[in-house]
Amino acid sequence: MIMRKHLLVAGAFFAGLSLSAQTLLFSDDFESYTAGVGVAEQGDGWDTWDGSAGVDGEVSTDFAYSGSNSAKIAGTGVDLVLPIGPYANSGKYDVKWKMLVQSQGAYFNLMHQWSSSSTTYQWAVDVFVDGTGTVTWTAGGVEGGDAQITIGEWFDIQVTADQDADLGLIYINGEMIHSWQWSLNNANGAAGLNQIAAVDFYGTNTAGGAGLYYVDDVELWESTGVSVASDEPTGPMFFPNPADENVFVNATESWVGGQVNILDITGKTVASSKILTAGVVTLPTANLSEGIYFVKVIAGSEELTRKLVVRH
């Protein structure tokens, strides 16, 4: 049977911070499976794109990050899916796994809407890896990216769906490489569902050919709280929202020495300020186009992100 755990994990303490709790909803290291047999065939919680055994990923001993087994995604005939929820409109969900890509390249996506018995789908983000290890993506209908991984070596992937902030984030080896408005329909950037429904491991690559990669130690976490400073002033992290000419950030003592940024939906920093003292930090928004942005505070080990609307 699949290794599945349900537990509360105490978030790390930071100076002056309250505790953040997480729930591990799903985990699988493939060690209880028989090599050479399908993942979805053996694993409670896995499925395939159309529900058929013919597109199942294979449990493999070729490579493994931990133990002896991993999931092998080889060629366009393989389409392994991890259904999630679906969870809609609230909550923060982190999907994490180890990944090893061969020179054939790789591809995966996350879905707002998916079912193996339906043709009604909505994509949230597509991520590609080419044969040189260059990582690109399409998010919110916009193509981008030039992050780099090493072909033939394991690396960490995390995709965060923060539905409270309507924010999507991609991390490689712990470094955030892209952020965007999570709910946007990936096909055209139009308004979509603020929802997470699946991760799809499909055996293709950047060029649309046959990819080859391995997945291990898959986890799904739900955040049940956000680490915030215990001495945070009463009220929101920033105001006003929507903003016109300026946005004012309530900086706490624990944030001094950190930085506050405004990001657009592509993850580009459009305004920034060092946090020199506790109190109100002012960031200009008068020159920003109307739309969705994100206010992000980075202070030591702490990162907080909230959605901002600019309206003139």
Protein backbone atom coordinates (compact mmCIF):
# COMPACT_ATOMS: atom_id res chain seq x y z
CA MET A 1 0.00 0.00 0.00
CA ILE A 2 1.03 3.59 -0.52
CA MET A 3 2.96 5.32 2.23
CA ARG A 4 0.46 7.94 3.37
CA LYS A 5 0.65 10.06 6.48
CA HIS A 6 -1.62 12.59 8.11
CA LEU A 7 0.09 14.68 10.75
CA LEU A 8 0.69 18.15 12.01
CA VAL A 9 4.24 19.41 11.86
CA ALA A 10 5.31 22.39 13.89
CA GLY A 11 6.74 25.10 11.66
CA ALA A 12 10.19 26.43 12.46
CA PHE A 13 10.46 29.14 15.14
CA PHE A 14 11.91 32.44 14.07
CA ALA A 15 12.70 35.31 16.39
CA GLY A 16 9.44 36.96 17.34
CA LEU A 17 7.35 34.72 15.05
CA SER A 18 4.26 32.71 15.75
CA LEU A 19 4.01 29.05 14.81
CA SER A 20 2.91 27.82 11.42
CA ALA A 21 1.39 24.36 11.14
CA GLN A 22 1.35 22.10 8.12
CA THR A 23 -0.52 18.92 7.35
CA LEU A 24 1.10 16.24 5.21
CA LEU A 25 -1.79 15.05 3.04
CA PHE A 26 0.10 12.59 0.86
CA SER A 27 3.55 11.04 0.53
CA ASP A 28 4.99 8.27 -1.61
CA ASP A 29 8.54 6.99 -2.04
CA PHE A 30 7.49 3.98 -4.20
CA GLU A 31 9.40 1.57 -1.94
CA SER A 32 6.39 -0.67 -1.26
CA TYR A 33 5.81 -1.26 -4.99
CA THR A 34 7.01 -3.99 -7.35
CA ALA A 35 9.52 -2.78 -9.94
CA GLY A 36 8.43 -3.17 -13.55
CA VAL A 37 4.74 -2.71 -12.68
CA GLY A 38 2.67 0.45 -13.06
CA VAL A 39 2.55 3.13 -10.39
CA ALA A 40 -1.21 3.75 -10.58
CA GLU A 41 -1.81 0.01 -10.81
CA GLN A 42 -0.21 -0.45 -7.38
CA GLY A 43 -0.56 2.90 -5.65
CA ASP A 44 -3.60 4.14 -3.78
CA GLY A 45 -3.92 7.79 -4.72
CA TRP A 46 -2.42 7.68 -8.24
CA ASP A 47 -4.28 7.66 -11.55
CA THR A 48 -3.57 8.05 -15.27
CA TRP A 49 -4.74 10.77 -17.64
CA ASP A 50 -7.58 8.70 -19.06
CA GLY A 51 -7.85 6.10 -16.32
CA SER A 52 -6.32 3.35 -18.47
CA ALA A 53 -3.39 1.11 -17.53
CA GLY A 54 -1.77 1.68 -20.90
CA VAL A 55 -0.44 5.13 -19.99
CA ASP A 56 0.74 4.28 -16.48
CA GLY A 57 4.19 5.27 -15.25
CA GLU A 58 6.49 2.37 -14.33
CA VAL A 59 8.07 1.65 -10.96
CA SER A 60 11.78 1.54 -11.76
CA THR A 61 15.08 0.63 -10.11
CA ASP A 62 17.10 2.56 -12.72
CA PHE A 63 17.53 5.47 -10.32
CA ALA A 64 16.19 6.38 -6.89
CA TYR A 65 16.71 9.36 -4.62
CA SER A 66 15.86 7.30 -1.55
CA GLY A 67 15.63 3.52 -1.28
CA SER A 68 15.59 1.51 -4.50
CA ASN A 69 12.50 2.62 -6.45
CA SER A 70 11.25 5.67 -8.30
CA ALA A 71 8.54 6.41 -10.90
CA LYS A 72 9.84 6.32 -14.48
CA ILE A 73 8.17 8.63 -17.01
CA ALA A 74 9.37 7.49 -20.43
CA GLY A 75 7.90 8.71 -23.71
CA THR A 76 4.64 10.28 -24.81
CA GLY A 77 2.74 7.08 -24.10
CA VAL A 78 3.14 7.70 -20.34
CA ASP A 79 0.79 10.10 -18.55
CA LEU A 80 0.81 9.56 -14.78
CA VAL A 81 -1.45 11.77 -12.63
CA LEU A 82 -1.55 12.56 -8.93
CA PRO A 83 -5.11 13.78 -8.23
CA ILE A 84 -5.29 16.53 -5.59
CA GLY A 85 -8.55 17.41 -3.86
CA PRO A 86 -9.77 19.31 -5.73
CA TYR A 87 -9.24 22.12 -3.23
CA ALA A 88 -10.79 25.45 -4.16
CA ASN A 89 -10.66 29.14 -3.26
CA SER A 90 -8.73 28.96 0.01
CA GLY A 91 -5.73 27.29 1.61
CA LYS A 92 -2.08 26.96 0.63
CA TYR A 93 -0.84 23.72 -0.94
CA ASP A 94 2.77 22.73 -1.62
CA VAL A 95 3.50 19.83 -3.98
CA LYS A 96 7.10 18.60 -3.66
CA TRP A 97 9.12 15.86 -5.27
CA LYS A 98 12.61 14.82 -6.32
CA MET A 99 13.25 14.72 -10.06
CA LEU A 100 16.02 13.38 -12.29
CA VAL A 101 15.92 14.31 -15.98
CA GLN A 102 17.82 12.53 -18.74
CA SER A 103 18.98 14.20 -21.96
CA GLN A 104 15.63 13.46 -23.62
CA GLY A 105 14.05 16.19 -21.46
CA ALA A 106 10.90 16.35 -19.36
CA TYR A 107 7.52 17.98 -18.83
CA PHE A 108 4.91 18.24 -16.08
CA ASN A 109 1.90 20.41 -15.37
CA LEU A 110 -0.52 21.32 -12.60
CA MET A 111 -4.24 21.48 -13.20
CA HIS A 112 -7.04 23.67 -11.90
CA GLN A 113 -9.56 21.13 -13.14
CA TRP A 114 -9.02 17.47 -14.06
CA SER A 115 -10.80 14.11 -14.07
CA SER A 116 -9.82 10.82 -15.72
CA SER A 117 -13.46 10.32 -16.68
CA SER A 118 -14.06 13.79 -18.16
CA THR A 119 -12.73 15.95 -20.96
CA THR A 120 -13.29 19.15 -18.99
CA TYR A 121 -9.82 20.38 -18.05
CA GLN A 122 -8.13 23.61 -17.04
CA TRP A 123 -4.36 23.94 -16.86
CA ALA A 124 -2.64 26.06 -14.20
CA VAL A 125 1.02 25.84 -15.34
CA ASP A 126 3.21 23.87 -17.76
CA VAL A 127 6.90 23.27 -16.99
CA PHE A 128 9.42 21.96 -19.55
CA VAL A 129 13.04 20.81 -19.30
CA ASP A 130 15.11 20.51 -22.48
CA GLY A 131 18.06 18.21 -23.13
CA THR A 132 20.56 20.73 -21.78
CA GLY A 133 18.71 21.18 -18.48
CA THR A 134 17.09 24.55 -19.27
CA VAL A 135 13.75 24.93 -17.47
CA THR A 136 10.98 26.98 -19.07
CA TRP A 137 7.29 27.38 -18.30
CA THR A 138 3.96 28.71 -19.39
CA ALA A 139 1.94 30.34 -16.60
CA GLY A 140 -1.10 32.55 -16.93
CA GLY A 141 -0.85 32.20 -20.71
CA VAL A 142 2.68 33.72 -20.72
CA GLU A 143 5.81 31.79 -21.73
CA GLY A 144 9.09 32.40 -19.93
CA GLY A 145 11.99 31.03 -17.98
CA ASP A 146 15.63 30.07 -18.32
CA ALA A 147 16.38 28.34 -15.00
CA GLN A 148 18.94 25.54 -15.11
CA ILE A 149 19.17 22.04 -13.65
CA THR A 150 21.89 19.42 -14.16
CA ILE A 151 20.97 16.58 -16.48
CA GLY A 152 21.31 13.18 -14.80
CA GLU A 153 21.26 14.54 -11.22
CA TRP A 154 18.42 14.65 -8.68
CA PHE A 155 16.98 18.05 -7.83
CA ASP A 156 14.09 19.40 -5.74
CA ILE A 157 10.87 20.67 -7.29
CA GLN A 158 8.13 22.50 -5.39
CA VAL A 159 5.01 24.10 -6.81
CA THR A 160 2.91 26.16 -4.40
CA ALA A 161 -0.74 27.01 -4.94
CA ASP A 162 -1.49 29.76 -2.41
CA GLN A 163 -5.20 30.15 -3.01
CA ASP A 164 -5.62 32.67 -0.19
CA ALA A 165 -3.27 35.05 -2.01
CA ASP A 166 -4.19 33.69 -5.47
CA LEU A 167 -0.48 33.13 -6.03
CA GLY A 168 1.41 30.35 -7.80
CA LEU A 169 5.12 29.75 -7.11
CA ILE A 170 7.71 27.40 -8.62
CA TYR A 171 10.85 26.47 -6.69
CA ILE A 172 13.93 24.54 -7.83
CA ASN A 173 16.31 23.41 -5.10
CA GLY A 174 14.62 25.80 -2.70
CA GLU A 175 14.98 28.87 -4.93
CA MET A 176 11.84 30.56 -6.22
CA ILE A 177 12.15 30.80 -10.01
CA HIS A 178 8.69 32.08 -10.93
CA SER A 179 5.47 33.47 -9.46
CA TRP A 180 2.16 34.34 -11.11
CA GLN A 181 -1.55 34.75 -10.41
CA TRP A 182 -2.52 31.15 -9.72
CA SER A 183 -6.16 31.29 -10.87
CA LEU A 184 -5.40 32.46 -14.40
CA ASN A 185 -6.34 30.02 -17.15
CA ASN A 186 -3.03 28.84 -18.56
CA ALA A 187 -4.37 28.51 -22.10
CA ASN A 188 -4.89 32.25 -22.59
CA GLY A 189 -4.32 34.10 -19.32
CA ALA A 190 -8.04 34.71 -18.84
CA ALA A 191 -9.72 34.44 -15.44
CA GLY A 192 -9.89 30.80 -14.36
CA LEU A 193 -10.48 28.66 -11.29
CA ASN A 194 -8.70 29.39 -8.00
CA GLN A 195 -8.35 25.65 -7.50
CA ILE A 196 -5.82 22.80 -7.51
CA ALA A 197 -6.88 19.41 -8.86
CA ALA A 198 -3.87 17.41 -10.09
CA VAL A 199 -0.20 17.11 -11.00
CA ASP A 200 0.37 15.49 -14.41
CA PHE A 201 3.68 13.77 -15.18
CA TYR A 202 3.63 13.40 -18.96
CA GLY A 203 6.53 11.86 -20.89
CA THR A 204 7.23 14.62 -23.37
CA ASN A 205 9.75 17.46 -23.62
CA THR A 206 10.18 21.04 -24.80
CA ALA A 207 10.10 20.01 -28.46
CA GLY A 208 7.03 17.80 -28.06
CA GLY A 209 9.06 14.62 -28.46
CA ALA A 210 9.62 11.68 -26.11
CA GLY A 211 10.99 12.72 -22.72
CA LEU A 212 12.63 10.59 -20.04
CA TYR A 213 12.71 11.42 -16.35
CA TYR A 214 12.27 9.94 -12.88
CA VAL A 215 10.23 11.12 -9.89
CA ASP A 216 10.74 10.14 -6.23
CA ASP A 217 9.65 11.17 -2.72
CA VAL A 218 6.41 12.90 -3.71
CA GLU A 219 4.67 14.95 -1.01
CA LEU A 220 1.58 17.15 -0.74
CA TRP A 221 1.42 19.61 2.15
CA GLU A 222 -1.38 21.88 3.27
CA SER A 223 -0.46 24.96 5.28
CA THR A 224 -2.92 25.59 8.09
CA GLY A 225 -1.37 28.84 9.23
CA VAL A 226 1.13 31.45 8.13
CA SER A 227 4.18 32.47 10.13
CA VAL A 228 3.76 36.10 11.06
CA ALA A 229 5.50 38.28 13.60
CA SER A 230 3.97 38.02 17.05
CA ASP A 231 4.40 41.76 17.45
CA GLU A 232 2.78 42.53 14.10
CA PRO A 233 0.61 45.63 14.30
CA THR A 234 -3.12 45.12 14.38
CA GLY A 235 -4.49 45.20 10.88
CA PRO A 236 -3.33 44.03 7.46
CA MET A 237 0.27 43.50 6.35
CA PHE A 238 -0.16 46.50 4.06
CA PHE A 239 -2.77 49.10 3.12
CA PRO A 240 -4.70 50.34 1.20
CA ASN A 241 -5.82 47.50 -1.02
CA PRO A 242 -6.70 48.40 -3.77
CA ALA A 243 -3.87 50.93 -3.91
CA ASP A 244 -3.65 54.08 -6.04
CA GLU A 245 -0.53 56.21 -5.52
CA ASN A 246 1.21 54.32 -2.69
CA VAL A 247 1.04 51.16 -0.64
CA PHE A 248 2.07 51.25 3.04
CA VAL A 249 3.61 48.14 4.61
CA ASN A 250 3.40 47.55 8.38
CA ALA A 251 7.00 46.50 9.11
CA THR A 252 7.70 44.72 12.40
CA GLU A 253 10.93 44.63 14.42
CA SER A 254 11.72 41.15 13.11
CA TRP A 255 11.62 42.46 9.52
CA VAL A 256 14.29 45.16 10.06
CA GLY A 257 17.18 44.51 7.68
CA GLY A 258 14.91 42.71 5.26
CA GLN A 259 13.28 43.85 2.07
CA VAL A 260 9.79 44.41 0.74
CA ASN A 261 9.05 44.05 -2.97
CA ILE A 262 6.09 44.53 -5.28
CA LEU A 263 5.97 41.85 -7.99
CA ASP A 264 3.87 41.77 -11.12
CA ILE A 265 2.09 38.55 -12.14
CA THR A 266 5.16 37.35 -14.08
CA GLY A 267 7.26 37.53 -10.91
CA LYS A 268 9.18 40.65 -12.00
CA THR A 269 10.03 43.11 -9.21
CA VAL A 270 8.49 46.48 -10.06
CA ALA A 271 9.13 48.31 -6.76
CA SER A 272 11.39 47.58 -3.80
CA SER A 273 12.55 49.01 -0.49
CA LYS A 274 14.89 47.98 2.31
CA ILE A 275 13.26 47.76 5.74
CA LEU A 276 15.44 50.03 7.85
CA THR A 277 13.20 50.48 10.89
CA ALA A 278 10.00 49.06 12.32
CA GLY A 279 6.93 51.01 11.28
CA VAL A 280 5.41 52.00 7.97
CA VAL A 281 7.37 51.45 4.75
CA THR A 282 6.06 53.32 1.70
CA LEU A 283 6.21 51.91 -1.82
CA PRO A 284 4.99 53.96 -4.84
CA THR A 285 2.30 52.48 -7.08
CA ALA A 286 1.26 55.57 -9.07
CA ASN A 287 3.32 54.53 -12.11
CA LEU A 288 2.08 50.93 -12.12
CA SER A 289 -0.59 49.83 -14.54
CA GLU A 290 -3.89 48.78 -13.04
CA GLY A 291 -4.08 45.08 -12.25
CA ILE A 292 -2.91 42.31 -9.92
CA TYR A 293 0.43 42.48 -8.10
CA PHE A 294 1.97 40.84 -5.05
CA VAL A 295 3.62 42.38 -1.99
CA LYS A 296 6.46 40.16 -0.78
CA VAL A 297 8.45 40.59 2.44
CA ILE A 298 11.79 38.77 2.71
CA ALA A 299 13.44 38.97 6.13
CA GLY A 300 15.96 36.24 7.00
CA SER A 301 14.20 32.89 6.87
CA GLU A 302 10.79 34.52 6.68
CA GLU A 303 8.89 35.15 3.44
CA LEU A 304 5.36 36.54 3.33
CA THR A 305 3.41 37.21 0.14
CA ARG A 306 0.01 38.84 -0.25
CA LYS A 307 -2.02 39.85 -3.31
CA LEU A 308 -2.29 43.56 -4.12
CA VAL A 309 -4.71 45.25 -6.50
CA VAL A 310 -3.63 48.53 -8.13
CA ARG A 311 -6.52 50.69 -9.27
CA HIS A 312 -6.24 54.35 -10.33
